[in-house]
């Protein structure tokens, strides 16, 4: 998995499994959210807690630079279980976010 900027205009290239994602011109947080969620699912389980905290910090918190729309049920679940987040709850939230941003990712891919 890698994301790199090819120029100041913001060509981003991400690779995950057998899928390439190329986004030109603008920086799309939904695509990065999708790719990070995919990376989370393929990571070693001992890294999940740290990656989940990073995922929340990057995409879900109100002050996030890469903020994406967070559905009410995920916000509620995160607030309700603050400090007591099981691996199953983390997996459910990450998968839910990946499902939420997928239509936006597909729309951007159709444009290419």
PDB file of N, CA and C in Angstrom:
ATOM      1  N   UNK A   1       0.854  -1.187   0.000  1.00  0.00           N
ATOM      2  CA  UNK A   1       0.000   0.000   0.000  1.00  0.00           C
ATOM      3  C   UNK A   1       0.883   1.227   0.000  1.00  0.00           C
ATOM      4  N   UNK A   2       0.608   2.156  -0.898  1.00  0.00           N
ATOM      5  CA  UNK A   2       1.359   3.401  -0.874  1.00  0.00           C
ATOM      6  C   UNK A   2       0.491   4.530  -1.412  1.00  0.00           C
ATOM      7  N   UNK A   3       0.747   5.703  -0.915  1.00  0.00           N
ATOM      8  CA  UNK A   3       0.111   6.925  -1.408  1.00  0.00           C
ATOM      9  C   UNK A   3       1.231   7.928  -1.574  1.00  0.00           C
ATOM     10  N   UNK A   4       1.333   8.515  -2.730  1.00  0.00           N
ATOM     11  CA  UNK A   4       2.375   9.513  -2.905  1.00  0.00           C
ATOM     12  C   UNK A   4       1.849  10.625  -3.796  1.00  0.00           C
ATOM     13  N   UNK A   5       2.412  11.789  -3.619  1.00  0.00           N
ATOM     14  CA  UNK A   5       2.043  12.936  -4.430  1.00  0.00           C
ATOM     15  C   UNK A   5       3.059  13.070  -5.542  1.00  0.00           C
ATOM     16  N   UNK A   6       2.566  13.056  -6.789  1.00  0.00           N
ATOM     17  CA  UNK A   6       3.456  13.131  -7.936  1.00  0.00           C
ATOM     18  C   UNK A   6       3.801  14.576  -8.279  1.00  0.00           C
ATOM     19  N   UNK A   7       2.946  15.519  -7.862  1.00  0.00           N
ATOM     20  CA  UNK A   7       3.209  16.924  -8.173  1.00  0.00           C
ATOM     21  C   UNK A   7       2.412  17.808  -7.237  1.00  0.00           C
ATOM     22  N   UNK A   8       2.639  19.103  -7.304  1.00  0.00           N
ATOM     23  CA  UNK A   8       1.883  20.045  -6.481  1.00  0.00           C
ATOM     24  C   UNK A   8       0.411  20.070  -6.860  1.00  0.00           C
ATOM     25  N   UNK A   9       0.078  19.656  -8.091  1.00  0.00           N
ATOM     26  CA  UNK A   9      -1.322  19.623  -8.507  1.00  0.00           C
ATOM     27  C   UNK A   9      -2.084  18.525  -7.778  1.00  0.00           C
ATOM     28  N   UNK A  10      -1.386  17.561  -7.201  1.00  0.00           N
ATOM     29  CA  UNK A  10      -2.021  16.563  -6.354  1.00  0.00           C
ATOM     30  C   UNK A  10      -2.405  15.278  -7.029  1.00  0.00           C
ATOM     31  N   UNK A  11      -1.567  14.707  -7.879  1.00  0.00           N
ATOM     32  CA  UNK A  11      -1.888  13.395  -8.405  1.00  0.00           C
ATOM     33  C   UNK A  11      -1.538  12.387  -7.334  1.00  0.00           C
ATOM     34  N   UNK A  12      -2.534  11.668  -6.866  1.00  0.00           N
ATOM     35  CA  UNK A  12      -2.347  10.704  -5.786  1.00  0.00           C
ATOM     36  C   UNK A  12      -2.464   9.303  -6.378  1.00  0.00           C
ATOM     37  N   UNK A  13      -1.567   8.426  -5.984  1.00  0.00           N
ATOM     38  CA  UNK A  13      -1.607   7.065  -6.472  1.00  0.00           C
ATOM     39  C   UNK A  13      -1.657   6.150  -5.267  1.00  0.00           C
ATOM     40  N   UNK A  14      -2.669   5.304  -5.217  1.00  0.00           N
ATOM     41  CA  UNK A  14      -2.775   4.351  -4.127  1.00  0.00           C
ATOM     42  C   UNK A  14      -2.832   2.947  -4.687  1.00  0.00           C
ATOM     43  N   UNK A  15      -2.266   1.986  -3.998  1.00  0.00           N
ATOM     44  CA  UNK A  15      -2.276   0.607  -4.436  1.00  0.00           C
ATOM     45  C   UNK A  15      -2.714  -0.257  -3.280  1.00  0.00           C
ATOM     46  N   UNK A  16      -3.670  -1.098  -3.529  1.00  0.00           N
ATOM     47  CA  UNK A  16      -4.084  -2.046  -2.519  1.00  0.00           C
ATOM     48  C   UNK A  16      -4.488  -3.336  -3.228  1.00  0.00           C
ATOM     49  N   UNK A  17      -3.888  -4.441  -2.869  1.00  0.00           N
ATOM     50  CA  UNK A  17      -4.184  -5.705  -3.525  1.00  0.00           C
ATOM     51  C   UNK A  17      -3.938  -5.616  -5.017  1.00  0.00           C
ATOM     52  N   UNK A  18      -4.948  -5.908  -5.821  1.00  0.00           N
ATOM     53  CA  UNK A  18      -4.838  -5.855  -7.274  1.00  0.00           C
ATOM     54  C   UNK A  18      -5.500  -4.613  -7.844  1.00  0.00           C
ATOM     55  N   UNK A  19      -5.768  -3.626  -7.032  1.00  0.00           N
ATOM     56  CA  UNK A  19      -6.543  -2.469  -7.465  1.00  0.00           C
ATOM     57  C   UNK A  19      -5.697  -1.199  -7.394  1.00  0.00           C
ATOM     58  N   UNK A  20      -5.630  -0.458  -8.488  1.00  0.00           N
ATOM     59  CA  UNK A  20      -4.968   0.842  -8.513  1.00  0.00           C
ATOM     60  C   UNK A  20      -6.024   1.926  -8.453  1.00  0.00           C
ATOM     61  N   UNK A  21      -5.760   2.973  -7.723  1.00  0.00           N
ATOM     62  CA  UNK A  21      -6.650   4.127  -7.645  1.00  0.00           C
ATOM     63  C   UNK A  21      -5.833   5.355  -7.979  1.00  0.00           C
ATOM     64  N   UNK A  22      -6.221   6.047  -9.036  1.00  0.00           N
ATOM     65  CA  UNK A  22      -5.515   7.258  -9.431  1.00  0.00           C
ATOM     66  C   UNK A  22      -6.492   8.420  -9.362  1.00  0.00           C
ATOM     67  N   UNK A  23      -6.133   9.437  -8.623  1.00  0.00           N
ATOM     68  CA  UNK A  23      -6.979  10.608  -8.441  1.00  0.00           C
ATOM     69  C   UNK A  23      -6.170  11.812  -8.878  1.00  0.00           C
ATOM     70  N   UNK A  24      -6.649  12.542  -9.857  1.00  0.00           N
ATOM     71  CA  UNK A  24      -5.914  13.697 -10.360  1.00  0.00           C
ATOM     72  C   UNK A  24      -6.599  14.985  -9.951  1.00  0.00           C
ATOM     73  N   UNK A  25      -5.785  16.014  -9.789  1.00  0.00           N
ATOM     74  CA  UNK A  25      -6.324  17.347  -9.559  1.00  0.00           C
ATOM     75  C   UNK A  25      -6.634  17.651  -8.121  1.00  0.00           C
ATOM     76  N   UNK A  26      -7.550  16.962  -7.510  1.00  0.00           N
ATOM     77  CA  UNK A  26      -7.979  17.267  -6.152  1.00  0.00           C
ATOM     78  C   UNK A  26      -7.622  16.123  -5.212  1.00  0.00           C
ATOM     79  N   UNK A  27      -7.573  16.438  -3.967  1.00  0.00           N
ATOM     80  CA  UNK A  27      -7.272  15.479  -2.918  1.00  0.00           C
ATOM     81  C   UNK A  27      -8.599  14.986  -2.354  1.00  0.00           C
ATOM     82  N   UNK A  28      -8.909  13.720  -2.469  1.00  0.00           N
ATOM     83  CA  UNK A  28     -10.186  13.185  -2.034  1.00  0.00           C
ATOM     84  C   UNK A  28     -10.029  12.354  -0.770  1.00  0.00           C
ATOM     85  N   UNK A  29     -10.562  12.844   0.316  1.00  0.00           N
ATOM     86  CA  UNK A  29     -10.438  12.141   1.588  1.00  0.00           C
ATOM     87  C   UNK A  29     -11.228  10.835   1.592  1.00  0.00           C
ATOM     88  N   UNK A  30     -12.311  10.754   0.806  1.00  0.00           N
ATOM     89  CA  UNK A  30     -13.084   9.509   0.780  1.00  0.00           C
ATOM     90  C   UNK A  30     -12.267   8.358   0.205  1.00  0.00           C
ATOM     91  N   UNK A  31     -11.467   8.631  -0.818  1.00  0.00           N
ATOM     92  CA  UNK A  31     -10.636   7.578  -1.391  1.00  0.00           C
ATOM     93  C   UNK A  31      -9.569   7.122  -0.393  1.00  0.00           C
ATOM     94  N   UNK A  32      -8.962   8.080   0.293  1.00  0.00           N
ATOM     95  CA  UNK A  32      -7.961   7.722   1.290  1.00  0.00           C
ATOM     96  C   UNK A  32      -8.593   6.957   2.454  1.00  0.00           C
ATOM     97  N   UNK A  33      -9.791   7.348   2.834  1.00  0.00           N
ATOM     98  CA  UNK A  33     -10.512   6.640   3.894  1.00  0.00           C
ATOM     99  C   UNK A  33     -10.761   5.194   3.479  1.00  0.00           C
ATOM    100  N   UNK A  34     -11.202   5.008   2.247  1.00  0.00           N
ATOM    101  CA  UNK A  34     -11.470   3.661   1.731  1.00  0.00           C
ATOM    102  C   UNK A  34     -10.191   2.822   1.729  1.00  0.00           C
ATOM    103  N   UNK A  35      -9.098   3.399   1.237  1.00  0.00           N
ATOM    104  CA  UNK A  35      -7.835   2.671   1.176  1.00  0.00           C
ATOM    105  C   UNK A  35      -7.289   2.347   2.567  1.00  0.00           C
ATOM    106  N   UNK A  36      -7.421   3.295   3.497  1.00  0.00           N
ATOM    107  CA  UNK A  36      -6.931   3.044   4.854  1.00  0.00           C
ATOM    108  C   UNK A  36      -7.762   1.941   5.517  1.00  0.00           C
ATOM    109  N   UNK A  37      -9.076   1.942   5.266  1.00  0.00           N
ATOM    110  CA  UNK A  37      -9.934   0.880   5.805  1.00  0.00           C
ATOM    111  C   UNK A  37      -9.525  -0.476   5.230  1.00  0.00           C
ATOM    112  N   UNK A  38      -9.205  -0.505   3.957  1.00  0.00           N
ATOM    113  CA  UNK A  38      -8.751  -1.737   3.330  1.00  0.00           C
ATOM    114  C   UNK A  38      -7.428  -2.199   3.946  1.00  0.00           C
ATOM    115  N   UNK A  39      -6.534  -1.267   4.175  1.00  0.00           N
ATOM    116  CA  UNK A  39      -5.264  -1.577   4.827  1.00  0.00           C
ATOM    117  C   UNK A  39      -5.507  -2.142   6.225  1.00  0.00           C
ATOM    118  N   UNK A  40      -6.447  -1.552   6.964  1.00  0.00           N
ATOM    119  CA  UNK A  40      -6.803  -2.026   8.307  1.00  0.00           C
ATOM    120  C   UNK A  40      -7.232  -3.494   8.260  1.00  0.00           C
ATOM    121  N   UNK A  41      -8.081  -3.833   7.275  1.00  0.00           N
ATOM    122  CA  UNK A  41      -8.594  -5.210   7.172  1.00  0.00           C
ATOM    123  C   UNK A  41      -7.495  -6.225   6.848  1.00  0.00           C
ATOM    124  N   UNK A  42      -6.436  -5.780   6.197  1.00  0.00           N
ATOM    125  CA  UNK A  42      -5.366  -6.692   5.817  1.00  0.00           C
ATOM    126  C   UNK A  42      -4.184  -6.667   6.782  1.00  0.00           C
ATOM    127  N   UNK A  43      -4.256  -5.846   7.782  1.00  0.00           N
ATOM    128  CA  UNK A  43      -3.155  -5.719   8.738  1.00  0.00           C
ATOM    129  C   UNK A  43      -3.199  -6.832   9.779  1.00  0.00           C
ATOM    130  N   UNK A  44      -2.083  -7.010  10.445  1.00  0.00           N
ATOM    131  CA  UNK A  44      -1.965  -7.950  11.539  1.00  0.00           C
ATOM    132  C   UNK A  44      -2.879  -7.490  12.679  1.00  0.00           C
ATOM    133  N   UNK A  45      -3.562  -8.402  13.334  1.00  0.00           N
ATOM    134  CA  UNK A  45      -4.511  -8.032  14.387  1.00  0.00           C
ATOM    135  C   UNK A  45      -3.860  -7.284  15.547  1.00  0.00           C
ATOM    136  N   UNK A  46      -2.570  -7.488  15.784  1.00  0.00           N
ATOM    137  CA  UNK A  46      -1.915  -6.759  16.874  1.00  0.00           C
ATOM    138  C   UNK A  46      -1.772  -5.265  16.553  1.00  0.00           C
ATOM    139  N   UNK A  47      -1.879  -4.896  15.285  1.00  0.00           N
ATOM    140  CA  UNK A  47      -1.782  -3.493  14.877  1.00  0.00           C
ATOM    141  C   UNK A  47      -3.145  -2.793  14.793  1.00  0.00           C
ATOM    142  N   UNK A  48      -4.226  -3.545  14.938  1.00  0.00           N
ATOM    143  CA  UNK A  48      -5.562  -2.983  14.736  1.00  0.00           C
ATOM    144  C   UNK A  48      -5.890  -1.822  15.671  1.00  0.00           C
ATOM    145  N   UNK A  49      -5.564  -1.937  16.935  1.00  0.00           N
ATOM    146  CA  UNK A  49      -5.921  -0.867  17.883  1.00  0.00           C
ATOM    147  C   UNK A  49      -5.256   0.452  17.492  1.00  0.00           C
ATOM    148  N   UNK A  50      -3.953   0.416  17.222  1.00  0.00           N
ATOM    149  CA  UNK A  50      -3.238   1.633  16.816  1.00  0.00           C
ATOM    150  C   UNK A  50      -3.801   2.175  15.499  1.00  0.00           C
ATOM    151  N   UNK A  51      -4.044   1.284  14.563  1.00  0.00           N
ATOM    152  CA  UNK A  51      -4.562   1.724  13.261  1.00  0.00           C
ATOM    153  C   UNK A  51      -5.967   2.310  13.399  1.00  0.00           C
ATOM    154  N   UNK A  52      -6.776   1.733  14.297  1.00  0.00           N
ATOM    155  CA  UNK A  52      -8.122   2.263  14.496  1.00  0.00           C
ATOM    156  C   UNK A  52      -8.064   3.675  15.072  1.00  0.00           C
ATOM    157  N   UNK A  53      -7.182   3.889  16.035  1.00  0.00           N
ATOM    158  CA  UNK A  53      -7.026   5.231  16.603  1.00  0.00           C
ATOM    159  C   UNK A  53      -6.572   6.221  15.528  1.00  0.00           C
ATOM    160  N   UNK A  54      -5.636   5.798  14.678  1.00  0.00           N
ATOM    161  CA  UNK A  54      -5.194   6.646  13.566  1.00  0.00           C
ATOM    162  C   UNK A  54      -6.339   6.914  12.597  1.00  0.00           C
ATOM    163  N   UNK A  55      -7.115   5.880  12.303  1.00  0.00           N
ATOM    164  CA  UNK A  55      -8.265   6.007  11.395  1.00  0.00           C
ATOM    165  C   UNK A  55      -9.246   7.051  11.925  1.00  0.00           C
ATOM    166  N   UNK A  56      -9.561   6.957  13.210  1.00  0.00           N
ATOM    167  CA  UNK A  56     -10.482   7.929  13.821  1.00  0.00           C
ATOM    168  C   UNK A  56      -9.903   9.336  13.759  1.00  0.00           C
ATOM    169  N   UNK A  57      -8.624   9.463  14.096  1.00  0.00           N
ATOM    170  CA  UNK A  57      -7.974  10.775  14.094  1.00  0.00           C
ATOM    171  C   UNK A  57      -7.922  11.375  12.682  1.00  0.00           C
ATOM    172  N   UNK A  58      -7.653  10.557  11.685  1.00  0.00           N
ATOM    173  CA  UNK A  58      -7.522  11.054  10.315  1.00  0.00           C
ATOM    174  C   UNK A  58      -8.857  11.384   9.655  1.00  0.00           C
ATOM    175  N   UNK A  59      -9.892  10.572   9.902  1.00  0.00           N
ATOM    176  CA  UNK A  59     -11.112  10.677   9.102  1.00  0.00           C
ATOM    177  C   UNK A  59     -12.401  10.966   9.873  1.00  0.00           C
ATOM    178  N   UNK A  60     -12.485  10.620  11.141  1.00  0.00           N
ATOM    179  CA  UNK A  60     -13.769  10.660  11.837  1.00  0.00           C
ATOM    180  C   UNK A  60     -13.937  11.814  12.811  1.00  0.00           C
ATOM    181  N   UNK A  61     -12.861  12.280  13.412  1.00  0.00           N
ATOM    182  CA  UNK A  61     -12.974  13.346  14.403  1.00  0.00           C
ATOM    183  C   UNK A  61     -13.390  14.658  13.740  1.00  0.00           C
ATOM    184  N   UNK A  62     -14.099  15.488  14.507  1.00  0.00           N
ATOM    185  CA  UNK A  62     -14.582  16.764  13.968  1.00  0.00           C
ATOM    186  C   UNK A  62     -13.458  17.673  13.496  1.00  0.00           C
ATOM    187  N   UNK A  63     -12.298  17.562  14.117  1.00  0.00           N
ATOM    188  CA  UNK A  63     -11.168  18.424  13.755  1.00  0.00           C
ATOM    189  C   UNK A  63     -10.231  17.779  12.727  1.00  0.00           C
ATOM    190  N   UNK A  64     -10.621  16.656  12.157  1.00  0.00           N
ATOM    191  CA  UNK A  64      -9.777  15.946  11.199  1.00  0.00           C
ATOM    192  C   UNK A  64      -9.551  16.744   9.931  1.00  0.00           C
ATOM    193  N   UNK A  65      -8.326  16.712   9.438  1.00  0.00           N
ATOM    194  CA  UNK A  65      -8.024  17.365   8.162  1.00  0.00           C
ATOM    195  C   UNK A  65      -8.619  16.612   6.987  1.00  0.00           C
ATOM    196  N   UNK A  66      -8.813  15.315   7.124  1.00  0.00           N
ATOM    197  CA  UNK A  66      -9.369  14.474   6.061  1.00  0.00           C
ATOM    198  C   UNK A  66     -10.786  14.031   6.401  1.00  0.00           C
ATOM    199  N   UNK A  67     -11.530  14.874   7.061  1.00  0.00           N
ATOM    200  CA  UNK A  67     -12.876  14.565   7.561  1.00  0.00           C
ATOM    201  C   UNK A  67     -13.780  14.040   6.452  1.00  0.00           C
ATOM    202  N   UNK A  68     -14.449  12.954   6.747  1.00  0.00           N
ATOM    203  CA  UNK A  68     -15.473  12.405   5.865  1.00  0.00           C
ATOM    204  C   UNK A  68     -16.787  12.375   6.638  1.00  0.00           C
ATOM    205  N   UNK A  69     -17.878  12.255   5.903  1.00  0.00           N
ATOM    206  CA  UNK A  69     -19.188  12.187   6.557  1.00  0.00           C
ATOM    207  C   UNK A  69     -19.270  10.902   7.380  1.00  0.00           C
ATOM    208  N   UNK A  70     -19.611  11.053   8.655  1.00  0.00           N
ATOM    209  CA  UNK A  70     -19.722   9.911   9.557  1.00  0.00           C
ATOM    210  C   UNK A  70     -21.200   9.700   9.871  1.00  0.00           C
ATOM    211  N   UNK A  71     -21.746   8.530   9.553  1.00  0.00           N
ATOM    212  CA  UNK A  71     -23.153   8.266   9.849  1.00  0.00           C
ATOM    213  C   UNK A  71     -23.432   8.301  11.356  1.00  0.00           C
ATOM    214  N   UNK A  72     -24.638   8.622  11.677  1.00  0.00           N
ATOM    215  CA  UNK A  72     -25.062   8.755  13.078  1.00  0.00           C
ATOM    216  C   UNK A  72     -24.771   7.490  13.895  1.00  0.00           C
ATOM    217  N   UNK A  73     -25.023   6.324  13.324  1.00  0.00           N
ATOM    218  CA  UNK A  73     -24.847   5.087  14.094  1.00  0.00           C
ATOM    219  C   UNK A  73     -23.385   4.864  14.473  1.00  0.00           C
ATOM    220  N   UNK A  74     -22.449   5.279  13.629  1.00  0.00           N
ATOM    221  CA  UNK A  74     -21.032   5.124  13.964  1.00  0.00           C
ATOM    222  C   UNK A  74     -20.631   6.151  15.016  1.00  0.00           C
ATOM    223  N   UNK A  75     -21.086   7.381  14.865  1.00  0.00           N
ATOM    224  CA  UNK A  75     -20.792   8.412  15.875  1.00  0.00           C
ATOM    225  C   UNK A  75     -21.311   7.998  17.240  1.00  0.00           C
ATOM    226  N   UNK A  76     -22.529   7.501  17.269  1.00  0.00           N
ATOM    227  CA  UNK A  76     -23.151   7.068  18.521  1.00  0.00           C
ATOM    228  C   UNK A  76     -22.377   5.913  19.145  1.00  0.00           C
ATOM    229  N   UNK A  77     -22.002   4.952  18.310  1.00  0.00           N
ATOM    230  CA  UNK A  77     -21.258   3.787  18.805  1.00  0.00           C
ATOM    231  C   UNK A  77     -19.897   4.198  19.373  1.00  0.00           C
ATOM    232  N   UNK A  78     -19.214   5.106  18.692  1.00  0.00           N
ATOM    233  CA  UNK A  78     -17.907   5.563  19.170  1.00  0.00           C
ATOM    234  C   UNK A  78     -18.036   6.321  20.490  1.00  0.00           C
ATOM    235  N   UNK A  79     -19.045   7.166  20.611  1.00  0.00           N
ATOM    236  CA  UNK A  79     -19.270   7.919  21.855  1.00  0.00           C
ATOM    237  C   UNK A  79     -19.674   7.000  22.994  1.00  0.00           C
ATOM    238  N   UNK A  80     -20.565   6.062  22.706  1.00  0.00           N
ATOM    239  CA  UNK A  80     -21.080   5.151  23.725  1.00  0.00           C
ATOM    240  C   UNK A  80     -19.976   4.250  24.287  1.00  0.00           C
ATOM    241  N   UNK A  81     -19.053   3.855  23.441  1.00  0.00           N
ATOM    242  CA  UNK A  81     -18.018   2.906  23.863  1.00  0.00           C
ATOM    243  C   UNK A  81     -16.649   3.545  24.006  1.00  0.00           C
ATOM    244  N   UNK A  82     -16.612   4.817  24.220  1.00  0.00           N
ATOM    245  CA  UNK A  82     -15.323   5.508  24.378  1.00  0.00           C
ATOM    246  C   UNK A  82     -14.518   4.843  25.496  1.00  0.00           C
ATOM    247  N   UNK A  83     -13.287   4.465  25.178  1.00  0.00           N
ATOM    248  CA  UNK A  83     -12.426   3.832  26.168  1.00  0.00           C
ATOM    249  C   UNK A  83     -12.609   2.329  26.283  1.00  0.00           C
ATOM    250  N   UNK A  84     -13.703   1.804  25.748  1.00  0.00           N
ATOM    251  CA  UNK A  84     -13.965   0.367  25.816  1.00  0.00           C
ATOM    252  C   UNK A  84     -14.330  -0.119  24.414  1.00  0.00           C
ATOM    253  N   UNK A  85     -13.384   0.001  23.503  1.00  0.00           N
ATOM    254  CA  UNK A  85     -13.661  -0.349  22.112  1.00  0.00           C
ATOM    255  C   UNK A  85     -13.077  -1.719  21.786  1.00  0.00           C
ATOM    256  N   UNK A  86     -13.963  -2.693  21.688  1.00  0.00           N
ATOM    257  CA  UNK A  86     -13.519  -4.046  21.366  1.00  0.00           C
ATOM    258  C   UNK A  86     -13.059  -4.109  19.915  1.00  0.00           C
ATOM    259  N   UNK A  87     -12.297  -5.125  19.600  1.00  0.00           N
ATOM    260  CA  UNK A  87     -11.822  -5.298  18.228  1.00  0.00           C
ATOM    261  C   UNK A  87     -13.001  -5.489  17.269  1.00  0.00           C
ATOM    262  N   UNK A  88     -14.033  -6.164  17.737  1.00  0.00           N
ATOM    263  CA  UNK A  88     -15.227  -6.372  16.901  1.00  0.00           C
ATOM    264  C   UNK A  88     -15.917  -5.045  16.577  1.00  0.00           C
ATOM    265  N   UNK A  89     -16.036  -4.167  17.574  1.00  0.00           N
ATOM    266  CA  UNK A  89     -16.641  -2.853  17.348  1.00  0.00           C
ATOM    267  C   UNK A  89     -15.783  -2.032  16.391  1.00  0.00           C
ATOM    268  N   UNK A  90     -14.462  -2.091  16.563  1.00  0.00           N
ATOM    269  CA  UNK A  90     -13.568  -1.366  15.670  1.00  0.00           C
ATOM    270  C   UNK A  90     -13.735  -1.852  14.235  1.00  0.00           C
ATOM    271  N   UNK A  91     -13.740  -3.157  14.056  1.00  0.00           N
ATOM    272  CA  UNK A  91     -13.906  -3.751  12.725  1.00  0.00           C
ATOM    273  C   UNK A  91     -15.227  -3.333  12.098  1.00  0.00           C
ATOM    274  N   UNK A  92     -16.298  -3.328  12.904  1.00  0.00           N
ATOM    275  CA  UNK A  92     -17.621  -2.938  12.417  1.00  0.00           C
ATOM    276  C   UNK A  92     -17.628  -1.479  11.967  1.00  0.00           C
ATOM    277  N   UNK A  93     -17.016  -0.607  12.752  1.00  0.00           N
ATOM    278  CA  UNK A  93     -16.970   0.819  12.392  1.00  0.00           C
ATOM    279  C   UNK A  93     -16.145   1.061  11.134  1.00  0.00           C
ATOM    280  N   UNK A  94     -14.995   0.415  11.038  1.00  0.00           N
ATOM    281  CA  UNK A  94     -14.145   0.594   9.856  1.00  0.00           C
ATOM    282  C   UNK A  94     -14.858   0.058   8.616  1.00  0.00           C
ATOM    283  N   UNK A  95     -15.473  -1.123   8.738  1.00  0.00           N
ATOM    284  CA  UNK A  95     -16.202  -1.688   7.594  1.00  0.00           C
ATOM    285  C   UNK A  95     -17.391  -0.807   7.224  1.00  0.00           C
ATOM    286  N   UNK A  96     -18.083  -0.278   8.226  1.00  0.00           N
ATOM    287  CA  UNK A  96     -19.210   0.628   7.961  1.00  0.00           C
ATOM    288  C   UNK A  96     -18.772   1.872   7.212  1.00  0.00           C
ATOM    289  N   UNK A  97     -17.636   2.446   7.626  1.00  0.00           N
ATOM    290  CA  UNK A  97     -17.124   3.637   6.933  1.00  0.00           C
ATOM    291  C   UNK A  97     -16.698   3.297   5.513  1.00  0.00           C
ATOM    292  N   UNK A  98     -16.096   2.144   5.327  1.00  0.00           N
ATOM    293  CA  UNK A  98     -15.682   1.743   3.980  1.00  0.00           C
ATOM    294  C   UNK A  98     -16.920   1.578   3.086  1.00  0.00           C
ATOM    295  N   UNK A  99     -17.975   0.991   3.622  1.00  0.00           N
ATOM    296  CA  UNK A  99     -19.214   0.844   2.853  1.00  0.00           C
ATOM    297  C   UNK A  99     -19.846   2.198   2.529  1.00  0.00           C
ATOM    298  N   UNK A 100     -19.756   3.141   3.470  1.00  0.00           N
ATOM    299  CA  UNK A 100     -20.342   4.477   3.276  1.00  0.00           C
ATOM    300  C   UNK A 100     -19.619   5.246   2.179  1.00  0.00           C
ATOM    301  N   UNK A 101     -18.295   5.183   2.139  1.00  0.00           N
ATOM    302  CA  UNK A 101     -17.542   5.976   1.156  1.00  0.00           C
ATOM    303  C   UNK A 101     -17.421   5.279  -0.200  1.00  0.00           C
ATOM    304  N   UNK A 102     -17.748   3.990  -0.286  1.00  0.00           N
ATOM    305  CA  UNK A 102     -17.599   3.249  -1.537  1.00  0.00           C
ATOM    306  C   UNK A 102     -18.341   3.889  -2.719  1.00  0.00           C
ATOM    307  N   UNK A 103     -19.599   4.320  -2.586  1.00  0.00           N
ATOM    308  CA  UNK A 103     -20.270   4.943  -3.733  1.00  0.00           C
ATOM    309  C   UNK A 103     -19.530   6.183  -4.250  1.00  0.00           C
ATOM    310  N   UNK A 104     -18.976   6.981  -3.347  1.00  0.00           N
ATOM    311  CA  UNK A 104     -18.226   8.165  -3.759  1.00  0.00           C
ATOM    312  C   UNK A 104     -16.952   7.760  -4.500  1.00  0.00           C
ATOM    313  N   UNK A 105     -16.272   6.743  -4.006  1.00  0.00           N
ATOM    314  CA  UNK A 105     -15.062   6.245  -4.657  1.00  0.00           C
ATOM    315  C   UNK A 105     -15.398   5.735  -6.055  1.00  0.00           C
ATOM    316  N   UNK A 106     -16.482   4.973  -6.171  1.00  0.00           N
ATOM    317  CA  UNK A 106     -16.889   4.441  -7.478  1.00  0.00           C
ATOM    318  C   UNK A 106     -17.249   5.563  -8.443  1.00  0.00           C
ATOM    319  N   UNK A 107     -17.904   6.608  -7.956  1.00  0.00           N
ATOM    320  CA  UNK A 107     -18.253   7.751  -8.804  1.00  0.00           C
ATOM    321  C   UNK A 107     -17.004   8.421  -9.359  1.00  0.00           C
ATOM    322  N   UNK A 108     -16.004   8.618  -8.513  1.00  0.00           N
ATOM    323  CA  UNK A 108     -14.765   9.237  -8.970  1.00  0.00           C
ATOM    324  C   UNK A 108     -14.007   8.349  -9.950  1.00  0.00           C
ATOM    325  N   UNK A 109     -14.078   7.028  -9.743  1.00  0.00           N
ATOM    326  CA  UNK A 109     -13.412   6.122 -10.672  1.00  0.00           C
ATOM    327  C   UNK A 109     -14.083   6.121 -12.039  1.00  0.00           C
ATOM    328  N   UNK A 110     -15.404   6.298 -12.074  1.00  0.00           N
ATOM    329  CA  UNK A 110     -16.129   6.341 -13.343  1.00  0.00           C
ATOM    330  C   UNK A 110     -15.716   7.552 -14.176  1.00  0.00           C
ATOM    331  N   UNK A 111     -15.291   8.614 -13.513  1.00  0.00           N
ATOM    332  CA  UNK A 111     -14.869   9.812 -14.220  1.00  0.00           C
ATOM    333  C   UNK A 111     -13.552   9.621 -14.965  1.00  0.00           C
ATOM    334  N   UNK A 112     -12.827   8.556 -14.669  1.00  0.00           N
ATOM    335  CA  UNK A 112     -11.528   8.334 -15.314  1.00  0.00           C
ATOM    336  C   UNK A 112     -11.668   7.345 -16.388  1.00  0.00           C
TER     337      UNK A 112
END
